[in-house]
Amino acid sequence: MPAKDELAPRRYEKLVDRLGTMMRAGLNPQYEGYYGQLILSRDDLTEMGDLKDVRRAAREAGGRLGWKVTTQLVDGRLFVLDQREVPEEIERLAGRAAADAIDRARDEARRPRLT
């Protein structure tokens, strides 16, 4: 009979806490907790352990933040996304911020470069 890993629950809880901290750090305060996302690189995933455990921990951490979590693995990166319905006023605010960022990028691209 294989020995039971008595530290596994503690390691899992530490992973949930770590992912929750990373998720909170990526939130824009203006969006009141909406539009949450976390992207974990291949190196992050290797360090954190088994993919199924990381996904499960990410879903739990997101649930603690009130997120409706989905995870997607794309080219070795794990995307952890909040899929909740966004209130209209926050959606408008985020839309304006995105449009402003696009305008700034377009203006920057049009500026002559000094070489």
C-alpha atoms as a PDB file:
ATOM      1  CA  MET A   1       0.000   0.000   0.000  1.00  0.00           C
ATOM      2  CA  PRO A   2       1.474   3.418  -0.968  1.00  0.00           C
ATOM      3  CA  ALA A   3       2.230   5.810   1.843  1.00  0.00           C
ATOM      4  CA  LYS A   4      -0.254   8.637   2.226  1.00  0.00           C
ATOM      5  CA  ASP A   5       1.156  12.088   1.449  1.00  0.00           C
ATOM      6  CA  GLU A   6       0.165  13.914   4.622  1.00  0.00           C
ATOM      7  CA  LEU A   7       1.568  17.231   3.381  1.00  0.00           C
ATOM      8  CA  ALA A   8      -0.490  17.282   0.161  1.00  0.00           C
ATOM      9  CA  PRO A   9      -3.451  19.211   1.662  1.00  0.00           C
ATOM     10  CA  ARG A  10      -1.088  21.856   3.061  1.00  0.00           C
ATOM     11  CA  ARG A  11       0.764  22.214  -0.261  1.00  0.00           C
ATOM     12  CA  TYR A  12      -2.564  22.528  -2.074  1.00  0.00           C
ATOM     13  CA  GLU A  13      -3.811  25.228   0.321  1.00  0.00           C
ATOM     14  CA  LYS A  14      -0.536  27.150  -0.113  1.00  0.00           C
ATOM     15  CA  LEU A  15      -1.002  26.919  -3.895  1.00  0.00           C
ATOM     16  CA  VAL A  16      -4.569  28.249  -3.613  1.00  0.00           C
ATOM     17  CA  ASP A  17      -3.322  31.132  -1.456  1.00  0.00           C
ATOM     18  CA  ARG A  18      -0.455  31.903  -3.853  1.00  0.00           C
ATOM     19  CA  LEU A  19      -2.732  31.905  -6.899  1.00  0.00           C
ATOM     20  CA  GLY A  20      -5.302  34.040  -5.062  1.00  0.00           C
ATOM     21  CA  THR A  21      -2.611  36.594  -4.244  1.00  0.00           C
ATOM     22  CA  MET A  22      -1.505  36.665  -7.885  1.00  0.00           C
ATOM     23  CA  MET A  23      -5.104  37.063  -9.063  1.00  0.00           C
ATOM     24  CA  ARG A  24      -5.797  39.938  -6.669  1.00  0.00           C
ATOM     25  CA  ALA A  25      -2.560  41.675  -7.677  1.00  0.00           C
ATOM     26  CA  GLY A  26      -3.656  41.707 -11.316  1.00  0.00           C
ATOM     27  CA  LEU A  27      -7.014  43.355 -10.687  1.00  0.00           C
ATOM     28  CA  ASN A  28      -7.630  46.945 -11.726  1.00  0.00           C
ATOM     29  CA  PRO A  29      -9.269  48.662  -8.707  1.00  0.00           C
ATOM     30  CA  GLN A  30     -11.417  50.788 -11.016  1.00  0.00           C
ATOM     31  CA  TYR A  31     -13.146  47.648 -12.295  1.00  0.00           C
ATOM     32  CA  GLU A  32     -14.271  46.639  -8.781  1.00  0.00           C
ATOM     33  CA  GLY A  33     -12.972  43.067  -9.077  1.00  0.00           C
ATOM     34  CA  TYR A  34     -14.287  42.398 -12.587  1.00  0.00           C
ATOM     35  CA  TYR A  35     -12.201  41.540 -15.675  1.00  0.00           C
ATOM     36  CA  GLY A  36      -9.907  39.323 -13.637  1.00  0.00           C
ATOM     37  CA  GLN A  37      -7.285  37.273 -15.395  1.00  0.00           C
ATOM     38  CA  LEU A  38      -4.065  35.468 -14.639  1.00  0.00           C
ATOM     39  CA  ILE A  39      -1.682  34.008 -17.193  1.00  0.00           C
ATOM     40  CA  LEU A  40       0.746  31.380 -15.971  1.00  0.00           C
ATOM     41  CA  SER A  41       3.758  30.589 -18.137  1.00  0.00           C
ATOM     42  CA  ARG A  42       5.113  27.125 -18.826  1.00  0.00           C
ATOM     43  CA  ASP A  43       7.827  27.827 -16.214  1.00  0.00           C
ATOM     44  CA  ASP A  44       5.208  28.889 -13.648  1.00  0.00           C
ATOM     45  CA  LEU A  45       3.282  25.679 -14.254  1.00  0.00           C
ATOM     46  CA  THR A  46       6.385  23.517 -13.966  1.00  0.00           C
ATOM     47  CA  GLU A  47       7.219  25.155 -10.640  1.00  0.00           C
ATOM     48  CA  MET A  48       3.676  24.845  -9.282  1.00  0.00           C
ATOM     49  CA  GLY A  49       3.210  21.150  -9.939  1.00  0.00           C
ATOM     50  CA  ASP A  50       0.688  18.973 -11.705  1.00  0.00           C
ATOM     51  CA  LEU A  51      -1.522  20.855 -14.186  1.00  0.00           C
ATOM     52  CA  LYS A  52      -4.762  19.347 -12.893  1.00  0.00           C
ATOM     53  CA  ASP A  53      -3.884  20.484  -9.358  1.00  0.00           C
ATOM     54  CA  VAL A  54      -2.983  23.996 -10.543  1.00  0.00           C
ATOM     55  CA  ARG A  55      -6.269  24.267 -12.464  1.00  0.00           C
ATOM     56  CA  ARG A  56      -8.272  23.041  -9.476  1.00  0.00           C
ATOM     57  CA  ALA A  57      -6.441  25.443  -7.133  1.00  0.00           C
ATOM     58  CA  ALA A  58      -6.983  28.338  -9.571  1.00  0.00           C
ATOM     59  CA  ARG A  59     -10.712  27.604  -9.699  1.00  0.00           C
ATOM     60  CA  GLU A  60     -10.861  27.530  -5.907  1.00  0.00           C
ATOM     61  CA  ALA A  61      -8.825  30.726  -5.528  1.00  0.00           C
ATOM     62  CA  GLY A  62     -11.017  32.483  -8.081  1.00  0.00           C
ATOM     63  CA  GLY A  63     -14.151  31.265  -6.333  1.00  0.00           C
ATOM     64  CA  ARG A  64     -12.899  32.837  -3.121  1.00  0.00           C
ATOM     65  CA  LEU A  65     -12.622  36.133  -5.021  1.00  0.00           C
ATOM     66  CA  GLY A  66     -16.171  35.776  -6.318  1.00  0.00           C
ATOM     67  CA  TRP A  67     -15.054  34.929  -9.839  1.00  0.00           C
ATOM     68  CA  LYS A  68     -16.785  32.538 -12.199  1.00  0.00           C
ATOM     69  CA  VAL A  69     -13.533  30.851 -13.255  1.00  0.00           C
ATOM     70  CA  THR A  70     -12.598  29.192 -16.483  1.00  0.00           C
ATOM     71  CA  THR A  71      -9.138  27.905 -17.325  1.00  0.00           C
ATOM     72  CA  GLN A  72      -7.681  27.429 -20.788  1.00  0.00           C
ATOM     73  CA  LEU A  73      -4.330  25.900 -21.690  1.00  0.00           C
ATOM     74  CA  VAL A  74      -2.844  27.528 -24.800  1.00  0.00           C
ATOM     75  CA  ASP A  75       0.683  26.772 -26.042  1.00  0.00           C
ATOM     76  CA  GLY A  76       1.886  25.776 -22.601  1.00  0.00           C
ATOM     77  CA  ARG A  77       0.365  28.797 -20.835  1.00  0.00           C
ATOM     78  CA  LEU A  78      -2.593  28.540 -18.499  1.00  0.00           C
ATOM     79  CA  PHE A  79      -5.139  31.347 -18.759  1.00  0.00           C
ATOM     80  CA  VAL A  80      -7.318  31.778 -15.673  1.00  0.00           C
ATOM     81  CA  LEU A  81     -10.247  34.045 -16.505  1.00  0.00           C
ATOM     82  CA  ASP A  82     -13.208  35.547 -14.662  1.00  0.00           C
ATOM     83  CA  GLN A  83     -16.282  34.956 -16.816  1.00  0.00           C
ATOM     84  CA  ARG A  84     -18.860  36.786 -14.702  1.00  0.00           C
ATOM     85  CA  GLU A  85     -21.372  39.137 -16.265  1.00  0.00           C
ATOM     86  CA  VAL A  86     -19.902  42.645 -15.957  1.00  0.00           C
ATOM     87  CA  PRO A  87     -22.098  45.538 -14.771  1.00  0.00           C
ATOM     88  CA  GLU A  88     -22.808  48.056 -17.532  1.00  0.00           C
ATOM     89  CA  GLU A  89     -21.018  50.984 -15.868  1.00  0.00           C
ATOM     90  CA  ILE A  90     -17.821  48.929 -15.417  1.00  0.00           C
ATOM     91  CA  GLU A  91     -18.071  47.670 -18.996  1.00  0.00           C
ATOM     92  CA  ARG A  92     -18.318  51.286 -20.251  1.00  0.00           C
ATOM     93  CA  LEU A  93     -15.354  52.334 -18.087  1.00  0.00           C
ATOM     94  CA  ALA A  94     -13.215  49.443 -19.368  1.00  0.00           C
ATOM     95  CA  GLY A  95     -14.281  50.174 -22.955  1.00  0.00           C
ATOM     96  CA  ARG A  96     -13.200  53.793 -22.638  1.00  0.00           C
ATOM     97  CA  ALA A  97      -9.872  52.735 -21.108  1.00  0.00           C
ATOM     98  CA  ALA A  98      -9.260  50.283 -23.966  1.00  0.00           C
ATOM     99  CA  ALA A  99     -10.155  52.895 -26.596  1.00  0.00           C
ATOM    100  CA  ASP A 100      -7.831  55.431 -24.943  1.00  0.00           C
ATOM    101  CA  ALA A 101      -5.002  52.876 -24.905  1.00  0.00           C
ATOM    102  CA  ILE A 102      -5.529  52.161 -28.611  1.00  0.00           C
ATOM    103  CA  ASP A 103      -5.520  55.889 -29.391  1.00  0.00           C
ATOM    104  CA  ARG A 104      -2.276  56.355 -27.447  1.00  0.00           C
ATOM    105  CA  ALA A 105      -0.639  53.427 -29.233  1.00  0.00           C
ATOM    106  CA  ARG A 106      -1.740  54.746 -32.625  1.00  0.00           C
ATOM    107  CA  ASP A 107      -0.447  58.241 -31.795  1.00  0.00           C
ATOM    108  CA  GLU A 108       2.861  56.773 -30.612  1.00  0.00           C
ATOM    109  CA  ALA A 109       3.215  54.733 -33.813  1.00  0.00           C
ATOM    110  CA  ARG A 110       2.718  57.874 -35.928  1.00  0.00           C
ATOM    111  CA  ARG A 111       5.456  59.853 -34.178  1.00  0.00           C
ATOM    112  CA  PRO A 112       8.694  60.108 -36.127  1.00  0.00           C
ATOM    113  CA  ARG A 113      11.536  58.066 -34.678  1.00  0.00           C
ATOM    114  CA  LEU A 114      14.845  59.714 -33.936  1.00  0.00           C
ATOM    115  CA  THR A 115      17.784  57.548 -34.849  1.00  0.00           C
END
